[in-house]
Each structure stands twice: as structure tokens, then as C-alpha cells.
Amino acid sequence: MAYYSAQPDQSPAFEDEELALKLQFEEVGNYSQNSKGKYVRGFPPDTEVAYKNLQDELSQHLMFIEDRKPAQSIGAAVDSDSTAIARLAAQEVQSYEDRQFAVGTVDGNPEEYESAPFLCDSNTDASVREWMLTAVESQLAGLALDFSDEETEAGPSRSYAQRQADTLDKLAKEVQCVCCREGLSSGLAITVPCGDKYCPDCLKQLFILATNNETRMPVRCHTQPIPLALISKNLSGLEIDAFKLAELDFSTESRIYYSNRDCNRFIPPQQLDPGTNNVICEHCHRITCGICNNGHHGGK
């Protein structure tokens, strides 16, 4: 009788493995039935003990396969829906960070915002935020891993289990952020054009600082500009808009700002009315003359 040895790396289809184990289990059971009563009770021969141990081992492995089936099914479902899961999680994080950004922009009366009841204290809130960011970054990192080489090779397509093993192997490799020197998974690190690797938090901070500091624009590393697209998924919609406006501001030669000094926002040239050269601020609603940079006045 041939002994069946289960392989550790199997595809989600367990039918062949399960059938082989069941047939072997049945064969061992038949042997036990036929040999019953042919030895002294309490003193079974070595062959009987060996077959009993084999029967127990086969039974345990059958239970393992039954437990493995739903786990692989869930994993395959998550794999097929990973894009949608990551998109929804990213939207949750963006909504959260938009809210935090709005809190920081409240002028003069913070009680106006803080009057709403909080569901958790600041420590819990920070923990939730950290968990959300970690979950989204991990999910997006898994999506970003390149399986194109494996998927386009000649031969049968790779199974979910094989791709899952490759993903875990890539995520297990650790690199160091050139900014904070902290170690992180290679799947979470962001590689900039010069080849250096940043953690998402440090690279995001570079773009936030550049929004308010012209000397840091364009964001660069070793003199090579870093595209916004590399970090955009880690920025909120408001942060992206603020960066793009600052980028336009710092690259404009003849800059115009709203006449209201309390506002003093940059006026993109395309917003000027071509007939009057005036523009109305959508924030403070003051009219500014695009020629003299003062408030609205009669004449030209």
C-alpha cells in the first residue's frame, strides 16, 4: 500500500488530496476490521499499532483540509475584492483627515467646532487613526506589488495561494526610511526617482512643508523632483488642493493676492475677469483689482 504524502503548497482545489486521503483511510479501516480478534487483547502487534497511528494521522489531516477550505475561500474573496476594499478604506481615512484639516482651519472660535460631542478621547482617537492608516497602507501596498512578470509567464496561471505567498515574502522584507531612519516593510516604502526610500509619513510631511515654504518647492530628493502622484493616496483632498495652489503660486512670476490682508490668498491668473480685471474671493467675498492689487475701485 502506497503512503500518501500531502504537499504544503496546494491550490484552493482540495478534491484530489481529500479523495486520496479518504481512500487511504478506508483501506486502513478495512485492514483493521479484517485483523480484529487475531491477537491477545491488550497486546496488539506492531503492525496493528502502526496502522492505528496512520489512521489517526489521516483523520487529523482530513480535519485540517476541512478547516483550510473556508480559509482559502475567504482569502480568495478578499483578493478578488481587494481593490474595492482598499478604495473604501482610503475614503474613510480621507474623510477623517479632511475633518482634522477643517479643525485646524477654524479661525477665532474653535468652540464652534468643538461643541459637537466626541465619541472617544484623544488617545483613543489617535489609536483609531493609526490603525486606519496602517490598514489602508497595508492594503494599498499589497495592491501595488507587481505580479506582472509572474502573470505573463508562459504556462498555467498562478493560483491565489502562490500569489499570496509571494506577497507575504515581499512584505516581509524590511527597508529603512532615509528621513526618519525607521525600518518598514518594503511593500509600504515609497521609492522616489533618485532611488531613496521614504516611509509614507515622512514623504507626506515634505509635501505639507512645501505648501507653506517656497524654498522647498518643488519637493525634491538629490535635486530630482518627486511627483505628487507618489504620495497622493496618503494626502487628503484638501491637502492636495492646497499643494497644487501653492505650486501654482510659487511658479507664477507676477503674483496677485486678495486685498483683504486677513485673507491674503493667492489669486490664480485665470480667475481674473478679463473685462474688469477684478476677482471676488470665494472665502472672504471681497473684490480685488488685479492691476493694483487693492480693493475694488471705480475707473481703470
C-alpha atoms as a PDB file:
ATOM      1  CA  MET A   1       0.000   0.000   0.000  1.00  0.00           C
ATOM      2  CA  ALA A   2       1.475   3.328  -1.073  1.00  0.00           C
ATOM      3  CA  TYR A   3       1.685   6.029   1.553  1.00  0.00           C
ATOM      4  CA  TYR A   4       0.212   9.409   0.566  1.00  0.00           C
ATOM      5  CA  SER A   5       2.229  12.500   1.474  1.00  0.00           C
ATOM      6  CA  ALA A   6       0.357  15.845   1.391  1.00  0.00           C
ATOM      7  CA  GLN A   7       2.226  18.754  -0.136  1.00  0.00           C
ATOM      8  CA  PRO A   8       2.286  22.028   1.858  1.00  0.00           C
ATOM      9  CA  ASP A   9       1.647  24.329  -1.105  1.00  0.00           C
ATOM     10  CA  GLN A  10      -1.677  23.345  -2.649  1.00  0.00           C
ATOM     11  CA  SER A  11      -4.132  25.252  -4.789  1.00  0.00           C
ATOM     12  CA  PRO A  12      -7.586  26.047  -3.399  1.00  0.00           C
ATOM     13  CA  ALA A  13      -8.937  22.893  -5.097  1.00  0.00           C
ATOM     14  CA  PHE A  14      -8.540  20.179  -2.454  1.00  0.00           C
ATOM     15  CA  GLU A  15     -10.674  17.490  -4.118  1.00  0.00           C
ATOM     16  CA  ASP A  16      -7.808  15.242  -5.247  1.00  0.00           C
ATOM     17  CA  GLU A  17      -5.980  15.453  -1.947  1.00  0.00           C
ATOM     18  CA  GLU A  18      -9.148  14.829   0.024  1.00  0.00           C
ATOM     19  CA  LEU A  19     -10.148  11.862  -2.150  1.00  0.00           C
ATOM     20  CA  ALA A  20      -6.714  10.238  -1.790  1.00  0.00           C
ATOM     21  CA  LEU A  21      -6.825  10.615   1.981  1.00  0.00           C
ATOM     22  CA  LYS A  22     -10.342   9.177   2.213  1.00  0.00           C
ATOM     23  CA  LEU A  23      -9.417   6.162   0.084  1.00  0.00           C
ATOM     24  CA  GLN A  24      -6.355   5.508   2.192  1.00  0.00           C
ATOM     25  CA  PHE A  25      -8.384   5.971   5.376  1.00  0.00           C
ATOM     26  CA  GLU A  26     -10.925   3.422   4.102  1.00  0.00           C
ATOM     27  CA  GLU A  27      -8.182   0.944   3.209  1.00  0.00           C
ATOM     28  CA  VAL A  28      -6.653   1.218   6.673  1.00  0.00           C
ATOM     29  CA  GLY A  29     -10.103   0.741   8.207  1.00  0.00           C
ATOM     30  CA  ASN A  30     -10.691  -2.439   6.172  1.00  0.00           C
ATOM     31  CA  TYR A  31      -7.385  -3.863   7.381  1.00  0.00           C
ATOM     32  CA  SER A  32      -8.317  -3.171  10.992  1.00  0.00           C
ATOM     33  CA  GLN A  33     -11.695  -4.905  10.564  1.00  0.00           C
ATOM     34  CA  ASN A  34     -10.144  -7.995   8.966  1.00  0.00           C
ATOM     35  CA  SER A  35      -7.441  -8.349  11.623  1.00  0.00           C
ATOM     36  CA  LYS A  36      -9.773  -7.930  14.612  1.00  0.00           C
ATOM     37  CA  GLY A  37      -9.505 -10.747  17.174  1.00  0.00           C
ATOM     38  CA  LYS A  38      -6.286 -12.242  15.814  1.00  0.00           C
ATOM     39  CA  TYR A  39      -4.139 -11.135  18.737  1.00  0.00           C
ATOM     40  CA  VAL A  40      -4.236 -11.154  22.543  1.00  0.00           C
ATOM     41  CA  ARG A  41      -6.375  -8.334  23.923  1.00  0.00           C
ATOM     42  CA  GLY A  42      -4.170  -5.532  25.260  1.00  0.00           C
ATOM     43  CA  PHE A  43      -1.106  -6.730  23.336  1.00  0.00           C
ATOM     44  CA  PRO A  44      -1.600  -5.664  19.713  1.00  0.00           C
ATOM     45  CA  PRO A  45       1.195  -6.446  17.248  1.00  0.00           C
ATOM     46  CA  ASP A  46       3.420  -3.672  15.949  1.00  0.00           C
ATOM     47  CA  THR A  47       1.655  -3.651  12.576  1.00  0.00           C
ATOM     48  CA  GLU A  48      -1.693  -3.010  14.271  1.00  0.00           C
ATOM     49  CA  VAL A  49      -0.236  -0.109  16.273  1.00  0.00           C
ATOM     50  CA  ALA A  50       1.321   1.329  13.115  1.00  0.00           C
ATOM     51  CA  TYR A  51      -1.979   1.153  11.210  1.00  0.00           C
ATOM     52  CA  LYS A  52      -3.828   2.728  14.146  1.00  0.00           C
ATOM     53  CA  ASN A  53      -1.349   5.623  14.239  1.00  0.00           C
ATOM     54  CA  LEU A  54      -1.649   6.056  10.473  1.00  0.00           C
ATOM     55  CA  GLN A  55      -5.446   6.105  10.768  1.00  0.00           C
ATOM     56  CA  ASP A  56      -5.264   8.831  13.418  1.00  0.00           C
ATOM     57  CA  GLU A  57      -2.854  10.865  11.287  1.00  0.00           C
ATOM     58  CA  LEU A  58      -5.088  10.599   8.219  1.00  0.00           C
ATOM     59  CA  SER A  59      -8.105  11.621  10.283  1.00  0.00           C
ATOM     60  CA  GLN A  60      -6.290  14.709  11.577  1.00  0.00           C
ATOM     61  CA  HIS A  61      -5.183  15.691   8.082  1.00  0.00           C
ATOM     62  CA  LEU A  62      -8.734  15.380   6.773  1.00  0.00           C
ATOM     63  CA  MET A  63      -9.844  17.752   9.523  1.00  0.00           C
ATOM     64  CA  PHE A  64      -7.025  20.120   8.517  1.00  0.00           C
ATOM     65  CA  ILE A  65      -8.259  20.156   4.905  1.00  0.00           C
ATOM     66  CA  GLU A  66     -11.825  20.852   6.019  1.00  0.00           C
ATOM     67  CA  ASP A  67     -10.578  23.806   8.086  1.00  0.00           C
ATOM     68  CA  ARG A  68      -8.352  25.037   5.262  1.00  0.00           C
ATOM     69  CA  LYS A  69     -11.137  25.166   2.673  1.00  0.00           C
ATOM     70  CA  PRO A  70     -13.084  28.121   4.184  1.00  0.00           C
ATOM     71  CA  ALA A  71      -9.836  29.943   4.983  1.00  0.00           C
ATOM     72  CA  GLN A  72      -8.699  29.729   1.352  1.00  0.00           C
ATOM     73  CA  SER A  73     -12.171  30.674   0.159  1.00  0.00           C
ATOM     74  CA  ILE A  74     -12.176  33.804   2.340  1.00  0.00           C
ATOM     75  CA  GLY A  75      -8.641  34.676   1.240  1.00  0.00           C
ATOM     76  CA  ALA A  76      -9.557  34.335  -2.432  1.00  0.00           C
ATOM     77  CA  ALA A  77     -12.649  36.512  -1.917  1.00  0.00           C
ATOM     78  CA  VAL A  78     -10.597  39.226  -0.203  1.00  0.00           C
ATOM     79  CA  ASP A  79      -8.027  39.002  -3.003  1.00  0.00           C
ATOM     80  CA  SER A  80     -10.658  39.466  -5.711  1.00  0.00           C
ATOM     81  CA  ASP A  81     -12.298  42.369  -3.838  1.00  0.00           C
ATOM     82  CA  SER A  82      -9.045  43.961  -2.617  1.00  0.00           C
ATOM     83  CA  THR A  83      -9.314  46.979  -4.926  1.00  0.00           C
ATOM     84  CA  ALA A  84     -12.801  47.848  -3.675  1.00  0.00           C
ATOM     85  CA  ILE A  85     -11.794  47.231  -0.044  1.00  0.00           C
ATOM     86  CA  ALA A  86      -8.742  49.488  -0.354  1.00  0.00           C
ATOM     87  CA  ARG A  87     -10.779  52.210  -2.085  1.00  0.00           C
ATOM     88  CA  LEU A  88     -13.429  52.232   0.652  1.00  0.00           C
ATOM     89  CA  ALA A  89     -10.829  52.229   3.417  1.00  0.00           C
ATOM     90  CA  ALA A  90      -8.922  55.059   1.726  1.00  0.00           C
ATOM     91  CA  GLN A  91     -12.137  57.096   1.522  1.00  0.00           C
ATOM     92  CA  GLU A  92     -12.648  56.624   5.269  1.00  0.00           C
ATOM     93  CA  VAL A  93      -9.122  57.849   6.013  1.00  0.00           C
ATOM     94  CA  GLN A  94      -9.502  60.799   3.636  1.00  0.00           C
ATOM     95  CA  SER A  95     -12.793  61.819   5.275  1.00  0.00           C
ATOM     96  CA  TYR A  96     -11.140  61.599   8.679  1.00  0.00           C
ATOM     97  CA  GLU A  97      -8.147  63.720   7.617  1.00  0.00           C
ATOM     98  CA  ASP A  98     -10.398  66.265   5.878  1.00  0.00           C
ATOM     99  CA  ARG A  99     -12.204  66.644   9.183  1.00  0.00           C
ATOM    100  CA  GLN A 100      -8.914  67.102  11.038  1.00  0.00           C
ATOM    101  CA  PHE A 101      -7.764  69.666   8.467  1.00  0.00           C
ATOM    102  CA  ALA A 102     -11.047  71.549   8.896  1.00  0.00           C
ATOM    103  CA  VAL A 103     -10.471  71.681  12.650  1.00  0.00           C
ATOM    104  CA  GLY A 104      -7.081  73.286  12.070  1.00  0.00           C
ATOM    105  CA  THR A 105      -8.531  75.975   9.814  1.00  0.00           C
ATOM    106  CA  VAL A 106     -11.205  77.195  12.242  1.00  0.00           C
ATOM    107  CA  ASP A 107     -10.314  80.835  12.997  1.00  0.00           C
ATOM    108  CA  GLY A 108     -11.171  82.723  16.149  1.00  0.00           C
ATOM    109  CA  ASN A 109     -13.846  80.449  17.561  1.00  0.00           C
ATOM    110  CA  PRO A 110     -12.693  76.851  17.982  1.00  0.00           C
ATOM    111  CA  GLU A 111     -15.674  76.212  20.258  1.00  0.00           C
ATOM    112  CA  GLU A 112     -17.824  76.442  17.164  1.00  0.00           C
ATOM    113  CA  TYR A 113     -16.424  73.124  16.016  1.00  0.00           C
ATOM    114  CA  GLU A 114     -15.636  71.537  19.342  1.00  0.00           C
ATOM    115  CA  SER A 115     -19.192  71.914  20.637  1.00  0.00           C
ATOM    116  CA  ALA A 116     -20.162  68.645  18.972  1.00  0.00           C
ATOM    117  CA  PRO A 117     -19.858  65.646  21.344  1.00  0.00           C
ATOM    118  CA  PHE A 118     -16.871  63.354  20.871  1.00  0.00           C
ATOM    119  CA  LEU A 119     -17.337  59.609  20.939  1.00  0.00           C
ATOM    120  CA  CYS A 120     -13.819  58.903  22.235  1.00  0.00           C
ATOM    121  CA  ASP A 121     -10.975  60.645  23.995  1.00  0.00           C
ATOM    122  CA  SER A 122      -7.891  61.983  22.221  1.00  0.00           C
ATOM    123  CA  ASN A 123      -5.760  58.929  23.000  1.00  0.00           C
ATOM    124  CA  THR A 124      -8.349  56.563  21.590  1.00  0.00           C
ATOM    125  CA  ASP A 125      -8.862  58.849  18.605  1.00  0.00           C
ATOM    126  CA  ALA A 126      -5.128  58.760  17.828  1.00  0.00           C
ATOM    127  CA  SER A 127      -5.074  54.977  18.123  1.00  0.00           C
ATOM    128  CA  VAL A 128      -8.008  54.640  15.743  1.00  0.00           C
ATOM    129  CA  ARG A 129      -6.331  56.960  13.236  1.00  0.00           C
ATOM    130  CA  GLU A 130      -3.076  54.986  13.416  1.00  0.00           C
ATOM    131  CA  TRP A 131      -4.950  51.724  12.890  1.00  0.00           C
ATOM    132  CA  MET A 132      -6.879  53.132   9.920  1.00  0.00           C
ATOM    133  CA  LEU A 133      -3.732  54.401   8.232  1.00  0.00           C
ATOM    134  CA  THR A 134      -1.878  51.140   8.812  1.00  0.00           C
ATOM    135  CA  ALA A 135      -4.763  49.105   7.429  1.00  0.00           C
ATOM    136  CA  VAL A 136      -5.078  51.213   4.294  1.00  0.00           C
ATOM    137  CA  GLU A 137      -1.325  51.377   3.698  1.00  0.00           C
ATOM    138  CA  SER A 138      -1.044  47.609   4.033  1.00  0.00           C
ATOM    139  CA  GLN A 139      -3.938  47.040   1.665  1.00  0.00           C
ATOM    140  CA  LEU A 140      -2.641  49.502  -0.907  1.00  0.00           C
ATOM    141  CA  ALA A 141       0.852  48.098  -0.595  1.00  0.00           C
ATOM    142  CA  GLY A 142      -0.499  44.667  -1.395  1.00  0.00           C
ATOM    143  CA  LEU A 143      -2.221  46.080  -4.465  1.00  0.00           C
ATOM    144  CA  ALA A 144       0.930  47.904  -5.531  1.00  0.00           C
ATOM    145  CA  LEU A 145       3.093  44.777  -5.570  1.00  0.00           C
ATOM    146  CA  ASP A 146       3.963  43.897  -9.136  1.00  0.00           C
ATOM    147  CA  PHE A 147       2.821  40.459 -10.230  1.00  0.00           C
ATOM    148  CA  SER A 148       3.034  41.266 -13.926  1.00  0.00           C
ATOM    149  CA  ASP A 149       6.102  39.091 -14.500  1.00  0.00           C
ATOM    150  CA  GLU A 150       4.500  36.043 -12.939  1.00  0.00           C
ATOM    151  CA  GLU A 151       1.124  36.560 -14.586  1.00  0.00           C
ATOM    152  CA  THR A 152       2.547  36.899 -18.101  1.00  0.00           C
ATOM    153  CA  GLU A 153       4.930  33.932 -17.960  1.00  0.00           C
ATOM    154  CA  ALA A 154       4.154  31.019 -20.263  1.00  0.00           C
ATOM    155  CA  GLY A 155       2.361  28.130 -18.631  1.00  0.00           C
ATOM    156  CA  PRO A 156      -0.614  27.787 -16.283  1.00  0.00           C
ATOM    157  CA  SER A 157      -1.767  30.854 -14.379  1.00  0.00           C
ATOM    158  CA  ARG A 158      -0.560  31.216 -10.808  1.00  0.00           C
ATOM    159  CA  SER A 159      -3.019  30.340  -8.063  1.00  0.00           C
ATOM    160  CA  TYR A 160      -4.176  32.712  -5.356  1.00  0.00           C
ATOM    161  CA  ALA A 161      -2.217  30.716  -2.752  1.00  0.00           C
ATOM    162  CA  GLN A 162       1.017  31.096  -4.750  1.00  0.00           C
ATOM    163  CA  ARG A 163       0.494  34.825  -5.258  1.00  0.00           C
ATOM    164  CA  GLN A 164      -0.379  35.194  -1.574  1.00  0.00           C
ATOM    165  CA  ALA A 165       2.909  33.516  -0.597  1.00  0.00           C
ATOM    166  CA  ASP A 166       4.835  35.869  -2.906  1.00  0.00           C
ATOM    167  CA  THR A 167       3.050  38.884  -1.415  1.00  0.00           C
ATOM    168  CA  LEU A 168       3.888  37.866   2.145  1.00  0.00           C
ATOM    169  CA  ASP A 169       7.504  37.298   1.135  1.00  0.00           C
ATOM    170  CA  LYS A 170       7.787  40.779  -0.386  1.00  0.00           C
ATOM    171  CA  LEU A 171       6.065  42.451   2.564  1.00  0.00           C
ATOM    172  CA  ALA A 172       8.401  40.648   4.975  1.00  0.00           C
ATOM    173  CA  LYS A 173      11.467  42.383   3.511  1.00  0.00           C
ATOM    174  CA  GLU A 174      12.356  45.452   5.569  1.00  0.00           C
ATOM    175  CA  VAL A 175      13.966  48.682   4.338  1.00  0.00           C
ATOM    176  CA  GLN A 176      14.959  51.912   6.093  1.00  0.00           C
ATOM    177  CA  CYS A 177      13.382  55.328   5.564  1.00  0.00           C
ATOM    178  CA  VAL A 178      16.113  57.815   4.554  1.00  0.00           C
ATOM    179  CA  CYS A 179      14.411  60.546   6.575  1.00  0.00           C
ATOM    180  CA  CYS A 180      13.438  59.105   9.966  1.00  0.00           C
ATOM    181  CA  ARG A 181      15.722  56.035   9.725  1.00  0.00           C
ATOM    182  CA  GLU A 182      12.899  53.811  10.910  1.00  0.00           C
ATOM    183  CA  GLY A 183      12.543  50.346   9.432  1.00  0.00           C
ATOM    184  CA  LEU A 184       9.403  49.443   7.493  1.00  0.00           C
ATOM    185  CA  SER A 185       8.116  46.796   5.123  1.00  0.00           C
ATOM    186  CA  SER A 186       9.378  47.173   1.561  1.00  0.00           C
ATOM    187  CA  GLY A 187       5.753  46.962   0.430  1.00  0.00           C
ATOM    188  CA  LEU A 188       4.912  50.118   2.401  1.00  0.00           C
ATOM    189  CA  ALA A 189       8.032  52.111   1.441  1.00  0.00           C
ATOM    190  CA  ILE A 190       7.784  54.708  -1.344  1.00  0.00           C
ATOM    191  CA  THR A 191      10.713  54.835  -3.768  1.00  0.00           C
ATOM    192  CA  VAL A 192      11.382  58.320  -5.187  1.00  0.00           C
ATOM    193  CA  PRO A 193      13.053  58.987  -8.584  1.00  0.00           C
ATOM    194  CA  CYS A 194      16.590  59.135  -7.142  1.00  0.00           C
ATOM    195  CA  GLY A 195      16.163  55.649  -5.674  1.00  0.00           C
ATOM    196  CA  ASP A 196      15.830  56.597  -1.997  1.00  0.00           C
ATOM    197  CA  LYS A 197      13.015  55.061   0.032  1.00  0.00           C
ATOM    198  CA  TYR A 198      10.672  57.014   2.324  1.00  0.00           C
ATOM    199  CA  CYS A 199       8.002  55.961   4.756  1.00  0.00           C
ATOM    200  CA  PRO A 200       4.595  57.477   3.818  1.00  0.00           C
ATOM    201  CA  ASP A 201       4.537  59.797   6.860  1.00  0.00           C
ATOM    202  CA  CYS A 202       7.921  61.408   6.099  1.00  0.00           C
ATOM    203  CA  LEU A 203       7.207  61.889   2.402  1.00  0.00           C
ATOM    204  CA  LYS A 204       3.800  63.362   3.220  1.00  0.00           C
ATOM    205  CA  GLN A 205       5.458  65.812   5.622  1.00  0.00           C
ATOM    206  CA  LEU A 206       7.793  67.018   2.845  1.00  0.00           C
ATOM    207  CA  PHE A 207       4.794  67.948   0.698  1.00  0.00           C
ATOM    208  CA  ILE A 208       2.962  69.608   3.601  1.00  0.00           C
ATOM    209  CA  LEU A 209       6.035  71.733   4.411  1.00  0.00           C
ATOM    210  CA  ALA A 210       6.477  72.696   0.754  1.00  0.00           C
ATOM    211  CA  THR A 211       2.911  74.026   0.706  1.00  0.00           C
ATOM    212  CA  ASN A 212       3.970  76.891   3.003  1.00  0.00           C
ATOM    213  CA  ASN A 213       7.648  77.242   2.084  1.00  0.00           C
ATOM    214  CA  GLU A 214       8.671  78.331  -1.396  1.00  0.00           C
ATOM    215  CA  THR A 215      12.272  77.186  -0.874  1.00  0.00           C
ATOM    216  CA  ARG A 216      11.046  73.590  -0.563  1.00  0.00           C
ATOM    217  CA  MET A 217       9.214  73.746  -3.880  1.00  0.00           C
ATOM    218  CA  PRO A 218       9.411  71.647  -5.953  1.00  0.00           C
ATOM    219  CA  VAL A 219       9.645  68.780  -3.493  1.00  0.00           C
ATOM    220  CA  ARG A 220      12.869  67.001  -4.368  1.00  0.00           C
ATOM    221  CA  CYS A 221      15.457  64.487  -3.234  1.00  0.00           C
ATOM    222  CA  HIS A 222      19.041  64.649  -4.522  1.00  0.00           C
ATOM    223  CA  THR A 223      17.896  67.504  -6.821  1.00  0.00           C
ATOM    224  CA  GLN A 224      15.350  65.246  -8.550  1.00  0.00           C
ATOM    225  CA  PRO A 225      11.696  66.385  -8.267  1.00  0.00           C
ATOM    226  CA  ILE A 226       9.307  63.988  -6.537  1.00  0.00           C
ATOM    227  CA  PRO A 227       5.942  63.595  -8.332  1.00  0.00           C
ATOM    228  CA  LEU A 228       2.819  64.323  -6.305  1.00  0.00           C
ATOM    229  CA  ALA A 229       1.338  61.054  -7.583  1.00  0.00           C
ATOM    230  CA  LEU A 230       3.725  59.052  -5.377  1.00  0.00           C
ATOM    231  CA  ILE A 231       2.122  60.353  -2.172  1.00  0.00           C
ATOM    232  CA  SER A 232      -1.326  61.499  -3.335  1.00  0.00           C
ATOM    233  CA  LYS A 233      -3.095  58.459  -1.844  1.00  0.00           C
ATOM    234  CA  ASN A 234      -1.750  59.483   1.580  1.00  0.00           C
ATOM    235  CA  LEU A 235      -2.957  63.096   1.284  1.00  0.00           C
ATOM    236  CA  SER A 236      -6.491  64.324   1.842  1.00  0.00           C
ATOM    237  CA  GLY A 237      -8.367  66.139  -0.905  1.00  0.00           C
ATOM    238  CA  LEU A 238      -7.880  69.472   0.877  1.00  0.00           C
ATOM    239  CA  GLU A 239      -4.136  68.861   1.250  1.00  0.00           C
ATOM    240  CA  ILE A 240      -3.782  68.040  -2.436  1.00  0.00           C
ATOM    241  CA  ASP A 241      -5.698  71.185  -3.442  1.00  0.00           C
ATOM    242  CA  ALA A 242      -3.574  73.322  -1.093  1.00  0.00           C
ATOM    243  CA  PHE A 243      -0.357  71.884  -2.535  1.00  0.00           C
ATOM    244  CA  LYS A 244      -1.439  72.438  -6.140  1.00  0.00           C
ATOM    245  CA  LEU A 245      -2.436  76.040  -5.363  1.00  0.00           C
ATOM    246  CA  ALA A 246       0.928  76.661  -3.655  1.00  0.00           C
ATOM    247  CA  GLU A 247       2.717  75.086  -6.614  1.00  0.00           C
ATOM    248  CA  LEU A 248       0.926  77.488  -8.966  1.00  0.00           C
ATOM    249  CA  ASP A 249       1.569  80.412  -6.604  1.00  0.00           C
ATOM    250  CA  PHE A 250       5.318  79.806  -6.358  1.00  0.00           C
ATOM    251  CA  SER A 251       5.683  79.281 -10.113  1.00  0.00           C
ATOM    252  CA  THR A 252       3.815  82.486 -11.101  1.00  0.00           C
ATOM    253  CA  GLU A 253       6.023  85.490 -11.921  1.00  0.00           C
ATOM    254  CA  SER A 254       3.579  88.377 -11.350  1.00  0.00           C
ATOM    255  CA  ARG A 255       1.649  87.202  -8.327  1.00  0.00           C
ATOM    256  CA  ILE A 256      -1.610  88.769  -7.180  1.00  0.00           C
ATOM    257  CA  TYR A 257      -3.131  88.317  -3.727  1.00  0.00           C
ATOM    258  CA  TYR A 258      -6.532  89.288  -2.386  1.00  0.00           C
ATOM    259  CA  SER A 259      -6.642  92.819  -0.987  1.00  0.00           C
ATOM    260  CA  ASN A 260      -8.149  91.654   2.300  1.00  0.00           C
ATOM    261  CA  ARG A 261      -4.999  91.238   4.425  1.00  0.00           C
ATOM    262  CA  ASP A 262      -6.793  88.878   6.783  1.00  0.00           C
ATOM    263  CA  CYS A 263      -7.347  86.581   3.814  1.00  0.00           C
ATOM    264  CA  ASN A 264      -4.355  87.393   1.575  1.00  0.00           C
ATOM    265  CA  ARG A 265      -4.869  84.295  -0.554  1.00  0.00           C
ATOM    266  CA  PHE A 266      -3.149  83.828  -3.880  1.00  0.00           C
ATOM    267  CA  ILE A 267      -5.228  84.657  -6.954  1.00  0.00           C
ATOM    268  CA  PRO A 268      -4.655  82.290  -9.891  1.00  0.00           C
ATOM    269  CA  PRO A 269      -4.375  84.449 -13.058  1.00  0.00           C
ATOM    270  CA  GLN A 270      -7.176  82.553 -14.811  1.00  0.00           C
ATOM    271  CA  GLN A 271      -9.673  83.682 -12.146  1.00  0.00           C
ATOM    272  CA  LEU A 272      -9.405  87.368 -13.126  1.00  0.00           C
ATOM    273  CA  ASP A 273     -12.362  88.742 -15.053  1.00  0.00           C
ATOM    274  CA  PRO A 274     -10.903  89.651 -18.479  1.00  0.00           C
ATOM    275  CA  GLY A 275     -13.254  92.638 -18.801  1.00  0.00           C
ATOM    276  CA  THR A 276     -12.737  94.316 -15.424  1.00  0.00           C
ATOM    277  CA  ASN A 277      -9.546  92.633 -14.155  1.00  0.00           C
ATOM    278  CA  ASN A 278     -11.415  92.145 -10.880  1.00  0.00           C
ATOM    279  CA  VAL A 279     -11.928  88.964  -8.908  1.00  0.00           C
ATOM    280  CA  ILE A 280     -14.166  88.053  -5.966  1.00  0.00           C
ATOM    281  CA  CYS A 281     -12.663  85.921  -3.199  1.00  0.00           C
ATOM    282  CA  GLU A 282     -14.775  82.840  -2.575  1.00  0.00           C
ATOM    283  CA  HIS A 283     -13.649  82.817   1.067  1.00  0.00           C
ATOM    284  CA  CYS A 284     -13.956  86.436   2.268  1.00  0.00           C
ATOM    285  CA  HIS A 285     -16.136  87.660  -0.653  1.00  0.00           C
ATOM    286  CA  ARG A 286     -14.065  90.847  -1.101  1.00  0.00           C
ATOM    287  CA  ILE A 287     -13.393  92.248  -4.583  1.00  0.00           C
ATOM    288  CA  THR A 288      -9.757  92.754  -5.575  1.00  0.00           C
ATOM    289  CA  CYS A 289      -8.378  94.705  -8.527  1.00  0.00           C
ATOM    290  CA  GLY A 290      -5.975  92.543 -10.494  1.00  0.00           C
ATOM    291  CA  ILE A 291      -3.997  95.577 -11.707  1.00  0.00           C
ATOM    292  CA  CYS A 292      -3.168  97.442  -8.487  1.00  0.00           C
ATOM    293  CA  ASN A 293      -3.824  94.579  -6.043  1.00  0.00           C
ATOM    294  CA  ASN A 294      -6.136  96.819  -3.979  1.00  0.00           C
ATOM    295  CA  GLY A 295      -9.824  96.635  -3.211  1.00  0.00           C
ATOM    296  CA  HIS A 296     -12.445  97.368  -5.830  1.00  0.00           C
ATOM    297  CA  HIS A 297     -12.464 100.981  -7.061  1.00  0.00           C
ATOM    298  CA  GLY A 298     -14.068 102.966  -9.865  1.00  0.00           C
ATOM    299  CA  GLY A 299     -12.262 103.722 -13.112  1.00  0.00           C
ATOM    300  CA  LYS A 300      -9.425 101.834 -14.740  1.00  0.00           C
END
